[in-house]
Amino acid sequence: MKIDFRTKETRLITFYLIISALMILNLCLFVSARMSLAGYWSDRILFWIWVFTTPFIIILCWKKLFTKIYFGLLMITLILSFLPMAIPFFAIFLSASGEGRINHFNLDNNMRIQIVNYGILGRPRVQVVKDNFLFDQIKYEDQDEIQKNDST
């Protein structure tokens, strides 16, 4: 069976599979080596491209059994994320929208310090991130309580 890459459907499916593979690669790198794609917004843009292309793929390939199973798994995952007080849903929202980053400071030598809070029940964390060419790496993360010095 020969695959014709000139059709719009095949190109869209190939694009979607590449975006999905990049998201899985990004997730595996973050879990194993605390690294993500270079730049703060690259992860979020990749996620939103995936979110916006998913309905097109589902509508385009709805007649296939795999698409119906995939759609069912996505809906079950979304519903299950609401069960524990929607904490997983809000964590995904805060990290995907950029609302989880409270403050950031760019330093010399491709380093930045940022204060993030990706959970609604957790405390803010301080992260020191090294900006590399393709990937950013979290060098240090402090989960202790952040104290403000407001004495003037």
Protein backbone atom coordinates (compact mmCIF):
# COMPACT_ATOMS: atom_id res chain seq x y z
CA MET A 1 0.00 0.00 0.00
CA LYS A 2 1.49 3.29 -1.12
CA ILE A 3 0.81 6.43 0.92
CA ASP A 4 0.18 9.56 -1.11
CA PHE A 5 1.61 12.52 0.84
CA ARG A 6 0.09 15.03 -1.56
CA THR A 7 -3.43 14.82 -0.18
CA LYS A 8 -4.47 17.34 2.45
CA GLU A 9 -5.73 14.63 4.77
CA THR A 10 -2.43 12.77 4.78
CA ARG A 11 -0.42 15.96 5.28
CA LEU A 12 -2.64 17.02 8.20
CA ILE A 13 -2.38 13.59 9.84
CA THR A 14 1.41 13.61 9.36
CA PHE A 15 1.61 17.11 10.88
CA TYR A 16 -0.55 15.98 13.83
CA LEU A 17 1.61 12.90 14.42
CA ILE A 18 4.78 15.04 14.37
CA ILE A 19 3.25 17.51 16.87
CA SER A 20 2.13 14.61 19.08
CA ALA A 21 5.60 13.03 18.92
CA LEU A 22 7.20 16.36 19.88
CA MET A 23 4.84 16.64 22.85
CA ILE A 24 5.69 13.10 23.99
CA LEU A 25 9.42 13.83 23.54
CA ASN A 26 9.04 17.04 25.55
CA LEU A 27 7.20 15.19 28.31
CA CYS A 28 9.80 12.41 28.47
CA LEU A 29 12.66 14.92 28.57
CA PHE A 30 10.99 16.89 31.35
CA VAL A 31 10.29 13.83 33.46
CA SER A 32 13.72 12.23 32.99
CA ALA A 33 16.14 15.18 32.72
CA ARG A 34 14.10 18.25 33.82
CA MET A 35 14.52 19.72 30.32
CA SER A 36 11.98 21.25 27.95
CA LEU A 37 11.99 22.94 24.57
CA ALA A 38 13.99 26.18 24.38
CA GLY A 39 12.08 29.26 25.41
CA TYR A 40 9.24 29.66 27.86
CA TRP A 41 6.45 29.81 25.29
CA SER A 42 7.57 27.01 22.94
CA ASP A 43 5.99 24.29 25.11
CA ARG A 44 2.76 26.21 25.34
CA ILE A 45 2.59 26.96 21.62
CA LEU A 46 3.22 23.28 20.85
CA PHE A 47 0.43 22.29 23.26
CA TRP A 48 -2.07 24.76 21.79
CA ILE A 49 -1.27 23.68 18.22
CA TRP A 50 -2.00 20.12 19.33
CA VAL A 51 -5.26 21.18 21.03
CA PHE A 52 -6.49 23.12 17.99
CA THR A 53 -5.59 20.43 15.45
CA THR A 54 -7.15 17.57 17.43
CA PRO A 55 -10.79 18.41 16.50
CA PHE A 56 -9.83 18.64 12.82
CA ILE A 57 -8.19 15.23 12.93
CA ILE A 58 -11.16 13.71 14.75
CA ILE A 59 -13.68 15.19 12.31
CA LEU A 60 -11.55 14.31 9.28
CA CYS A 61 -11.00 10.69 10.28
CA TRP A 62 -14.23 9.99 12.18
CA LYS A 63 -15.10 6.90 10.09
CA LYS A 64 -12.03 5.04 11.33
CA LEU A 65 -12.35 2.92 14.48
CA PHE A 66 -9.04 4.14 15.89
CA THR A 67 -10.27 7.74 15.77
CA LYS A 68 -13.39 6.86 17.76
CA ILE A 69 -11.29 5.05 20.36
CA TYR A 70 -8.86 8.01 20.51
CA PHE A 71 -11.75 10.46 20.94
CA GLY A 72 -13.23 8.29 23.70
CA LEU A 73 -9.88 8.16 25.52
CA LEU A 74 -9.50 11.94 25.28
CA MET A 75 -13.01 12.50 26.68
CA ILE A 76 -12.53 9.96 29.50
CA THR A 77 -9.21 11.60 30.41
CA LEU A 78 -10.81 15.05 30.44
CA ILE A 79 -13.73 13.87 32.60
CA LEU A 80 -11.44 12.02 35.00
CA SER A 81 -9.30 15.15 35.42
CA PHE A 82 -12.36 16.91 36.89
CA LEU A 83 -13.08 14.25 39.52
CA PRO A 84 -10.37 15.12 42.08
CA MET A 85 -11.59 18.73 42.47
CA ALA A 86 -10.30 19.50 38.94
CA ILE A 87 -6.75 19.80 40.25
CA PRO A 88 -5.16 18.02 37.23
CA PHE A 89 -7.26 20.14 34.86
CA PHE A 90 -6.14 23.39 36.51
CA ALA A 91 -2.51 22.21 36.52
CA ILE A 92 -2.72 21.62 32.76
CA PHE A 93 -4.44 24.98 32.27
CA LEU A 94 -1.90 26.92 34.35
CA SER A 95 1.10 25.34 32.64
CA ALA A 96 -0.36 25.55 29.12
CA SER A 97 -1.55 29.13 29.34
CA GLY A 98 1.48 30.64 31.03
CA GLU A 99 -0.62 31.80 33.97
CA GLY A 100 1.47 29.59 36.26
CA ARG A 101 4.55 31.79 35.93
CA ILE A 102 4.20 34.52 38.50
CA ASN A 103 7.43 36.41 37.87
CA HIS A 104 10.70 36.00 35.98
CA PHE A 105 14.07 37.72 35.78
CA ASN A 106 16.58 37.25 32.98
CA LEU A 107 20.19 36.99 34.08
CA ASP A 108 23.46 36.92 32.15
CA ASN A 109 24.87 33.75 30.58
CA ASN A 110 21.52 32.44 29.33
CA MET A 111 20.08 31.98 32.82
CA ARG A 112 16.73 33.08 34.22
CA ILE A 113 15.07 32.91 37.59
CA GLN A 114 11.34 32.39 37.63
CA ILE A 115 8.67 31.95 40.25
CA VAL A 116 6.07 29.42 39.15
CA ASN A 117 2.94 27.90 40.63
CA TYR A 118 1.33 25.26 38.42
CA GLY A 119 -1.04 23.92 41.06
CA ILE A 120 -3.93 25.59 42.80
CA LEU A 121 -3.11 24.01 46.17
CA GLY A 122 0.68 24.19 46.05
CA ARG A 123 3.03 26.94 47.04
CA PRO A 124 5.01 28.94 44.49
CA ARG A 125 8.44 27.56 43.59
CA VAL A 126 11.62 29.33 42.59
CA GLN A 127 13.35 27.86 39.54
CA VAL A 128 16.74 28.64 38.05
CA VAL A 129 16.59 27.75 34.34
CA LYS A 130 19.51 27.55 31.90
CA ASP A 131 18.57 28.47 28.34
CA ASN A 132 20.32 26.17 25.87
CA PHE A 133 20.03 26.20 22.09
CA LEU A 134 17.27 23.59 21.68
CA PHE A 135 16.27 22.85 25.25
CA ASP A 136 15.96 24.66 28.57
CA GLN A 137 17.05 22.85 31.71
CA ILE A 138 15.92 23.47 35.27
CA LYS A 139 19.17 23.68 37.22
CA TYR A 140 17.66 24.37 40.63
CA GLU A 141 14.16 24.34 42.08
CA ASP A 142 13.27 25.40 45.61
CA GLN A 143 9.88 24.35 46.95
CA ASP A 144 10.20 26.07 50.31
CA GLU A 145 8.04 29.01 51.22
CA ILE A 146 9.03 32.25 49.52
CA GLN A 147 9.61 35.08 51.98
CA LYS A 148 9.20 38.68 50.89
CA ASN A 149 11.26 41.43 52.40
CA ASP A 150 8.96 44.44 52.43
CA SER A 151 10.86 46.47 54.99
CA THR A 152 11.69 49.87 53.63
